[in-house]
Amino acid sequence: YQYEGQLQAVRPERAGACLRCLWPE
């Protein structure tokens, strides 16, 4: 977004956190 960004790894095979864990909707 404009001059910043975000990065996330989702690892369901390791029962890691997912995008909906941070933002349910």
PDB file of all heavy atoms in Angstrom:
ATOM      1  N   TYR A   1       0.858  -1.177   0.000  1.00  0.00           N
ATOM      2  CA  TYR A   1       0.000   0.000   0.000  1.00  0.00           C
ATOM      3  C   TYR A   1       0.894   1.227   0.000  1.00  0.00           C
ATOM      4  O   TYR A   1       1.653   1.432   0.964  1.00  0.00           O
ATOM      5  CB  TYR A   1      -0.927   0.000   1.231  1.00  0.00           C
ATOM      6  CG  TYR A   1      -1.863   1.172   1.261  1.00  0.00           C
ATOM      7  CD1 TYR A   1      -2.952   1.226   0.404  1.00  0.00           C
ATOM      8  CD2 TYR A   1      -1.654   2.228   2.132  1.00  0.00           C
ATOM      9  CE1 TYR A   1      -3.817   2.313   0.414  1.00  0.00           C
ATOM     10  CE2 TYR A   1      -2.514   3.312   2.159  1.00  0.00           C
ATOM     11  CZ  TYR A   1      -3.598   3.341   1.289  1.00  0.00           C
ATOM     12  OH  TYR A   1      -4.442   4.421   1.303  1.00  0.00           O
ATOM     13  N   GLN A   2       0.865   1.957  -1.066  1.00  0.00           N
ATOM     14  CA  GLN A   2       1.651   3.171  -1.261  1.00  0.00           C
ATOM     15  C   GLN A   2       3.141   2.909  -1.063  1.00  0.00           C
ATOM     16  O   GLN A   2       3.813   2.485  -1.978  1.00  0.00           O
ATOM     17  CB  GLN A   2       1.120   4.300  -0.391  1.00  0.00           C
ATOM     18  CG  GLN A   2      -0.283   4.714  -0.813  1.00  0.00           C
ATOM     19  CD  GLN A   2      -0.834   5.863  -0.024  1.00  0.00           C
ATOM     20  OE1 GLN A   2      -0.535   6.021   1.159  1.00  0.00           O
ATOM     21  NE2 GLN A   2      -1.648   6.673  -0.671  1.00  0.00           N
ATOM     22  N   TYR A   3       3.689   3.123   0.117  1.00  0.00           N
ATOM     23  CA  TYR A   3       5.128   2.944   0.330  1.00  0.00           C
ATOM     24  C   TYR A   3       5.428   1.975   1.471  1.00  0.00           C
ATOM     25  O   TYR A   3       6.494   2.035   2.097  1.00  0.00           O
ATOM     26  CB  TYR A   3       5.806   4.297   0.594  1.00  0.00           C
ATOM     27  CG  TYR A   3       5.106   5.121   1.654  1.00  0.00           C
ATOM     28  CD1 TYR A   3       5.388   4.945   2.999  1.00  0.00           C
ATOM     29  CD2 TYR A   3       4.132   6.042   1.291  1.00  0.00           C
ATOM     30  CE1 TYR A   3       4.724   5.674   3.968  1.00  0.00           C
ATOM     31  CE2 TYR A   3       3.466   6.774   2.253  1.00  0.00           C
ATOM     32  CZ  TYR A   3       3.771   6.599   3.587  1.00  0.00           C
ATOM     33  OH  TYR A   3       3.106   7.318   4.538  1.00  0.00           O
ATOM     34  N   GLU A   4       4.513   1.066   1.747  1.00  0.00           N
ATOM     35  CA  GLU A   4       4.726   0.063   2.794  1.00  0.00           C
ATOM     36  C   GLU A   4       4.108  -1.250   2.359  1.00  0.00           C
ATOM     37  O   GLU A   4       3.372  -1.318   1.373  1.00  0.00           O
ATOM     38  CB  GLU A   4       4.128   0.525   4.119  1.00  0.00           C
ATOM     39  CG  GLU A   4       2.638   0.805   4.047  1.00  0.00           C
ATOM     40  CD  GLU A   4       2.101   1.434   5.321  1.00  0.00           C
ATOM     41  OE1 GLU A   4       2.665   2.449   5.774  1.00  0.00           O
ATOM     42  OE2 GLU A   4       1.135   0.894   5.840  1.00  0.00           O
ATOM     43  N   GLY A   5       4.402  -2.316   3.106  1.00  0.00           N
ATOM     44  CA  GLY A   5       3.863  -3.620   2.756  1.00  0.00           C
ATOM     45  C   GLY A   5       3.870  -4.573   3.931  1.00  0.00           C
ATOM     46  O   GLY A   5       4.374  -4.258   5.012  1.00  0.00           O
ATOM     47  N   GLN A   6       3.294  -5.741   3.696  1.00  0.00           N
ATOM     48  CA  GLN A   6       3.232  -6.802   4.695  1.00  0.00           C
ATOM     49  C   GLN A   6       3.532  -8.136   4.026  1.00  0.00           C
ATOM     50  O   GLN A   6       3.221  -8.327   2.843  1.00  0.00           O
ATOM     51  CB  GLN A   6       1.848  -6.876   5.331  1.00  0.00           C
ATOM     52  CG  GLN A   6       1.457  -5.654   6.107  1.00  0.00           C
ATOM     53  CD  GLN A   6       0.090  -5.805   6.754  1.00  0.00           C
ATOM     54  OE1 GLN A   6      -0.519  -6.863   6.741  1.00  0.00           O
ATOM     55  NE2 GLN A   6      -0.393  -4.719   7.332  1.00  0.00           N
ATOM     56  N   LEU A   7       4.089  -9.043   4.790  1.00  0.00           N
ATOM     57  CA  LEU A   7       4.432 -10.377   4.313  1.00  0.00           C
ATOM     58  C   LEU A   7       4.031 -11.375   5.387  1.00  0.00           C
ATOM     59  O   LEU A   7       4.249 -11.111   6.578  1.00  0.00           O
ATOM     60  CB  LEU A   7       5.943 -10.440   4.051  1.00  0.00           C
ATOM     61  CG  LEU A   7       6.540 -11.742   3.567  1.00  0.00           C
ATOM     62  CD1 LEU A   7       6.108 -12.011   2.130  1.00  0.00           C
ATOM     63  CD2 LEU A   7       8.061 -11.656   3.637  1.00  0.00           C
ATOM     64  N   GLN A   8       3.446 -12.490   4.986  1.00  0.00           N
ATOM     65  CA  GLN A   8       3.052 -13.525   5.945  1.00  0.00           C
ATOM     66  C   GLN A   8       3.203 -14.893   5.314  1.00  0.00           C
ATOM     67  O   GLN A   8       2.811 -15.104   4.158  1.00  0.00           O
ATOM     68  CB  GLN A   8       1.599 -13.340   6.389  1.00  0.00           C
ATOM     69  CG  GLN A   8       1.148 -14.401   7.381  1.00  0.00           C
ATOM     70  CD  GLN A   8      -0.310 -14.291   7.784  1.00  0.00           C
ATOM     71  OE1 GLN A   8      -1.044 -13.445   7.282  1.00  0.00           O
ATOM     72  NE2 GLN A   8      -0.735 -15.143   8.682  1.00  0.00           N
ATOM     73  N   ALA A   9       3.752 -15.819   6.072  1.00  0.00           N
ATOM     74  CA  ALA A   9       3.800 -17.221   5.667  1.00  0.00           C
ATOM     75  C   ALA A   9       2.689 -17.957   6.403  1.00  0.00           C
ATOM     76  O   ALA A   9       2.550 -17.842   7.620  1.00  0.00           O
ATOM     77  CB  ALA A   9       5.149 -17.834   6.015  1.00  0.00           C
ATOM     78  N   VAL A  10       1.900 -18.709   5.666  1.00  0.00           N
ATOM     79  CA  VAL A  10       0.834 -19.544   6.221  1.00  0.00           C
ATOM     80  C   VAL A  10       1.275 -20.986   6.030  1.00  0.00           C
ATOM     81  O   VAL A  10       1.545 -21.414   4.914  1.00  0.00           O
ATOM     82  CB  VAL A  10      -0.520 -19.277   5.512  1.00  0.00           C
ATOM     83  CG1 VAL A  10      -1.592 -20.224   6.009  1.00  0.00           C
ATOM     84  CG2 VAL A  10      -0.936 -17.822   5.688  1.00  0.00           C
ATOM     85  N   ARG A  11       1.363 -21.723   7.135  1.00  0.00           N
ATOM     86  CA  ARG A  11       1.888 -23.090   7.096  1.00  0.00           C
ATOM     87  C   ARG A  11       0.870 -24.071   7.692  1.00  0.00           C
ATOM     88  O   ARG A  11       1.029 -24.538   8.814  1.00  0.00           O
ATOM     89  CB  ARG A  11       3.198 -23.176   7.878  1.00  0.00           C
ATOM     90  CG  ARG A  11       4.328 -22.247   7.423  1.00  0.00           C
ATOM     91  CD  ARG A  11       4.914 -22.617   6.076  1.00  0.00           C
ATOM     92  NE  ARG A  11       5.391 -23.970   5.974  1.00  0.00           N
ATOM     93  CZ  ARG A  11       6.631 -24.355   6.249  1.00  0.00           C
ATOM     94  NH1 ARG A  11       7.532 -23.493   6.645  1.00  0.00           N
ATOM     95  NH2 ARG A  11       6.968 -25.623   6.111  1.00  0.00           N
ATOM     96  N   PRO A  12      -0.197 -24.395   6.961  1.00  0.00           N
ATOM     97  CA  PRO A  12      -1.201 -25.304   7.517  1.00  0.00           C
ATOM     98  C   PRO A  12      -0.652 -26.696   7.823  1.00  0.00           C
ATOM     99  O   PRO A  12      -1.143 -27.362   8.732  1.00  0.00           O
ATOM    100  CB  PRO A  12      -2.275 -25.362   6.433  1.00  0.00           C
ATOM    101  CG  PRO A  12      -1.639 -24.856   5.198  1.00  0.00           C
ATOM    102  CD  PRO A  12      -0.526 -23.957   5.610  1.00  0.00           C
ATOM    103  N   GLU A  13       0.388 -27.118   7.098  1.00  0.00           N
ATOM    104  CA  GLU A  13       0.972 -28.434   7.353  1.00  0.00           C
ATOM    105  C   GLU A  13       1.696 -28.470   8.697  1.00  0.00           C
ATOM    106  O   GLU A  13       2.026 -29.533   9.207  1.00  0.00           O
ATOM    107  CB  GLU A  13       1.910 -28.844   6.205  1.00  0.00           C
ATOM    108  CG  GLU A  13       3.269 -28.176   6.191  1.00  0.00           C
ATOM    109  CD  GLU A  13       3.313 -26.739   5.676  1.00  0.00           C
ATOM    110  OE1 GLU A  13       2.266 -26.088   5.515  1.00  0.00           O
ATOM    111  OE2 GLU A  13       4.442 -26.261   5.455  1.00  0.00           O
ATOM    112  N   ARG A  14       1.913 -27.287   9.302  1.00  0.00           N
ATOM    113  CA  ARG A  14       2.536 -27.189  10.624  1.00  0.00           C
ATOM    114  C   ARG A  14       1.576 -26.585  11.645  1.00  0.00           C
ATOM    115  O   ARG A  14       2.002 -26.162  12.713  1.00  0.00           O
ATOM    116  CB  ARG A  14       3.794 -26.338  10.550  1.00  0.00           C
ATOM    117  CG  ARG A  14       4.889 -26.968   9.741  1.00  0.00           C
ATOM    118  CD  ARG A  14       6.165 -26.199   9.890  1.00  0.00           C
ATOM    119  NE  ARG A  14       7.232 -26.871   9.156  1.00  0.00           N
ATOM    120  CZ  ARG A  14       8.435 -26.387   9.045  1.00  0.00           C
ATOM    121  NH1 ARG A  14       8.752 -25.248   9.627  1.00  0.00           N
ATOM    122  NH2 ARG A  14       9.353 -27.029   8.367  1.00  0.00           N
ATOM    123  N   ALA A  15       0.305 -26.508  11.285  1.00  0.00           N
ATOM    124  CA  ALA A  15      -0.732 -25.934  12.151  1.00  0.00           C
ATOM    125  C   ALA A  15      -0.396 -24.510  12.568  1.00  0.00           C
ATOM    126  O   ALA A  15      -0.664 -24.096  13.685  1.00  0.00           O
ATOM    127  CB  ALA A  15      -0.982 -26.829  13.370  1.00  0.00           C
ATOM    128  N   GLY A  16       0.189 -23.752  11.637  1.00  0.00           N
ATOM    129  CA  GLY A  16       0.559 -22.371  11.915  1.00  0.00           C
ATOM    130  C   GLY A  16      -0.618 -21.422  11.771  1.00  0.00           C
ATOM    131  O   GLY A  16      -1.694 -21.784  11.307  1.00  0.00           O
ATOM    132  N   ALA A  17      -0.391 -20.184  12.180  1.00  0.00           N
ATOM    133  CA  ALA A  17      -1.414 -19.140  12.082  1.00  0.00           C
ATOM    134  C   ALA A  17      -1.707 -18.837  10.616  1.00  0.00           C
ATOM    135  O   ALA A  17      -0.846 -18.973   9.757  1.00  0.00           O
ATOM    136  CB  ALA A  17      -0.945 -17.881  12.798  1.00  0.00           C
ATOM    137  N   CYS A  18      -2.945 -18.416  10.360  1.00  0.00           N
ATOM    138  CA  CYS A  18      -3.338 -18.094   8.996  1.00  0.00           C
ATOM    139  C   CYS A  18      -3.844 -16.650   8.929  1.00  0.00           C
ATOM    140  O   CYS A  18      -3.905 -15.955   9.946  1.00  0.00           O
ATOM    141  CB  CYS A  18      -4.398 -19.072   8.503  1.00  0.00           C
ATOM    142  SG  CYS A  18      -6.033 -18.839   9.227  1.00  0.00           S
ATOM    143  N   LEU A  19      -4.213 -16.225   7.751  1.00  0.00           N
ATOM    144  CA  LEU A  19      -4.688 -14.861   7.559  1.00  0.00           C
ATOM    145  C   LEU A  19      -5.933 -14.584   8.389  1.00  0.00           C
ATOM    146  O   LEU A  19      -6.072 -13.521   8.995  1.00  0.00           O
ATOM    147  CB  LEU A  19      -4.971 -14.627   6.071  1.00  0.00           C
ATOM    148  CG  LEU A  19      -5.339 -13.214   5.642  1.00  0.00           C
ATOM    149  CD1 LEU A  19      -4.230 -12.230   6.001  1.00  0.00           C
ATOM    150  CD2 LEU A  19      -5.609 -13.183   4.149  1.00  0.00           C
ATOM    151  N   ARG A  20      -6.838 -15.549   8.475  1.00  0.00           N
ATOM    152  CA  ARG A  20      -8.069 -15.359   9.254  1.00  0.00           C
ATOM    153  C   ARG A  20      -7.797 -15.345  10.769  1.00  0.00           C
ATOM    154  O   ARG A  20      -8.633 -14.887  11.533  1.00  0.00           O
ATOM    155  CB  ARG A  20      -9.103 -16.410   8.903  1.00  0.00           C
ATOM    156  CG  ARG A  20      -9.690 -16.199   7.522  1.00  0.00           C
ATOM    157  CD  ARG A  20     -10.905 -17.078   7.290  1.00  0.00           C
ATOM    158  NE  ARG A  20     -11.344 -17.002   5.920  1.00  0.00           N
ATOM    159  CZ  ARG A  20     -12.128 -16.051   5.421  1.00  0.00           C
ATOM    160  NH1 ARG A  20     -12.550 -15.083   6.197  1.00  0.00           N
ATOM    161  NH2 ARG A  20     -12.481 -16.073   4.158  1.00  0.00           N
ATOM    162  N   CYS A  21      -6.641 -15.837  11.175  1.00  0.00           N
ATOM    163  CA  CYS A  21      -6.261 -15.723  12.590  1.00  0.00           C
ATOM    164  C   CYS A  21      -6.029 -14.261  12.954  1.00  0.00           C
ATOM    165  O   CYS A  21      -6.282 -13.853  14.085  1.00  0.00           O
ATOM    166  CB  CYS A  21      -4.987 -16.520  12.869  1.00  0.00           C
ATOM    167  SG  CYS A  21      -5.175 -18.300  12.632  1.00  0.00           S
ATOM    168  N   LEU A  22      -5.537 -13.486  11.991  1.00  0.00           N
ATOM    169  CA  LEU A  22      -5.297 -12.065  12.211  1.00  0.00           C
ATOM    170  C   LEU A  22      -6.539 -11.228  11.926  1.00  0.00           C
ATOM    171  O   LEU A  22      -6.863 -10.310  12.667  1.00  0.00           O
ATOM    172  CB  LEU A  22      -4.157 -11.581  11.308  1.00  0.00           C
ATOM    173  CG  LEU A  22      -2.804 -12.225  11.556  1.00  0.00           C
ATOM    174  CD1 LEU A  22      -1.817 -11.803  10.481  1.00  0.00           C
ATOM    175  CD2 LEU A  22      -2.290 -11.866  12.927  1.00  0.00           C
ATOM    176  N   TRP A  23      -7.192 -11.531  10.817  1.00  0.00           N
ATOM    177  CA  TRP A  23      -8.402 -10.814  10.404  1.00  0.00           C
ATOM    178  C   TRP A  23      -9.451 -11.860  10.040  1.00  0.00           C
ATOM    179  O   TRP A  23      -9.413 -12.428   8.945  1.00  0.00           O
ATOM    180  CB  TRP A  23      -8.117  -9.929   9.180  1.00  0.00           C
ATOM    181  CG  TRP A  23      -7.174  -8.822   9.468  1.00  0.00           C
ATOM    182  CD1 TRP A  23      -7.437  -7.659  10.130  1.00  0.00           C
ATOM    183  CD2 TRP A  23      -5.797  -8.764   9.110  1.00  0.00           C
ATOM    184  NE1 TRP A  23      -6.311  -6.892  10.209  1.00  0.00           N
ATOM    185  CE2 TRP A  23      -5.286  -7.548   9.582  1.00  0.00           C
ATOM    186  CE3 TRP A  23      -4.931  -9.628   8.430  1.00  0.00           C
ATOM    187  CZ2 TRP A  23      -3.964  -7.165   9.408  1.00  0.00           C
ATOM    188  CZ3 TRP A  23      -3.611  -9.244   8.254  1.00  0.00           C
ATOM    189  CH2 TRP A  23      -3.151  -8.024   8.745  1.00  0.00           C
ATOM    190  N   PRO A  24     -10.404 -12.134  10.924  1.00  0.00           N
ATOM    191  CA  PRO A  24     -11.393 -13.191  10.664  1.00  0.00           C
ATOM    192  C   PRO A  24     -12.216 -12.975   9.397  1.00  0.00           C
ATOM    193  O   PRO A  24     -12.598 -13.934   8.732  1.00  0.00           O
ATOM    194  CB  PRO A  24     -12.288 -13.165  11.910  1.00  0.00           C
ATOM    195  CG  PRO A  24     -11.422 -12.579  12.974  1.00  0.00           C
ATOM    196  CD  PRO A  24     -10.523 -11.593  12.278  1.00  0.00           C
ATOM    197  N   GLU A  25     -12.479 -11.726   9.053  1.00  0.00           N
ATOM    198  CA  GLU A  25     -13.267 -11.437   7.852  1.00  0.00           C
ATOM    199  C   GLU A  25     -12.441 -10.607   6.877  1.00  0.00           C
ATOM    200  O   GLU A  25     -11.689  -9.720   7.290  1.00  0.00           O
ATOM    201  CB  GLU A  25     -14.543 -10.670   8.217  1.00  0.00           C
ATOM    202  CG  GLU A  25     -15.505 -11.460   9.084  1.00  0.00           C
ATOM    203  CD  GLU A  25     -16.009 -12.725   8.411  1.00  0.00           C
ATOM    204  OE1 GLU A  25     -16.276 -12.695   7.186  1.00  0.00           O
ATOM    205  OE2 GLU A  25     -16.126 -13.755   9.105  1.00  0.00           O
TER     206      GLU A  25
END
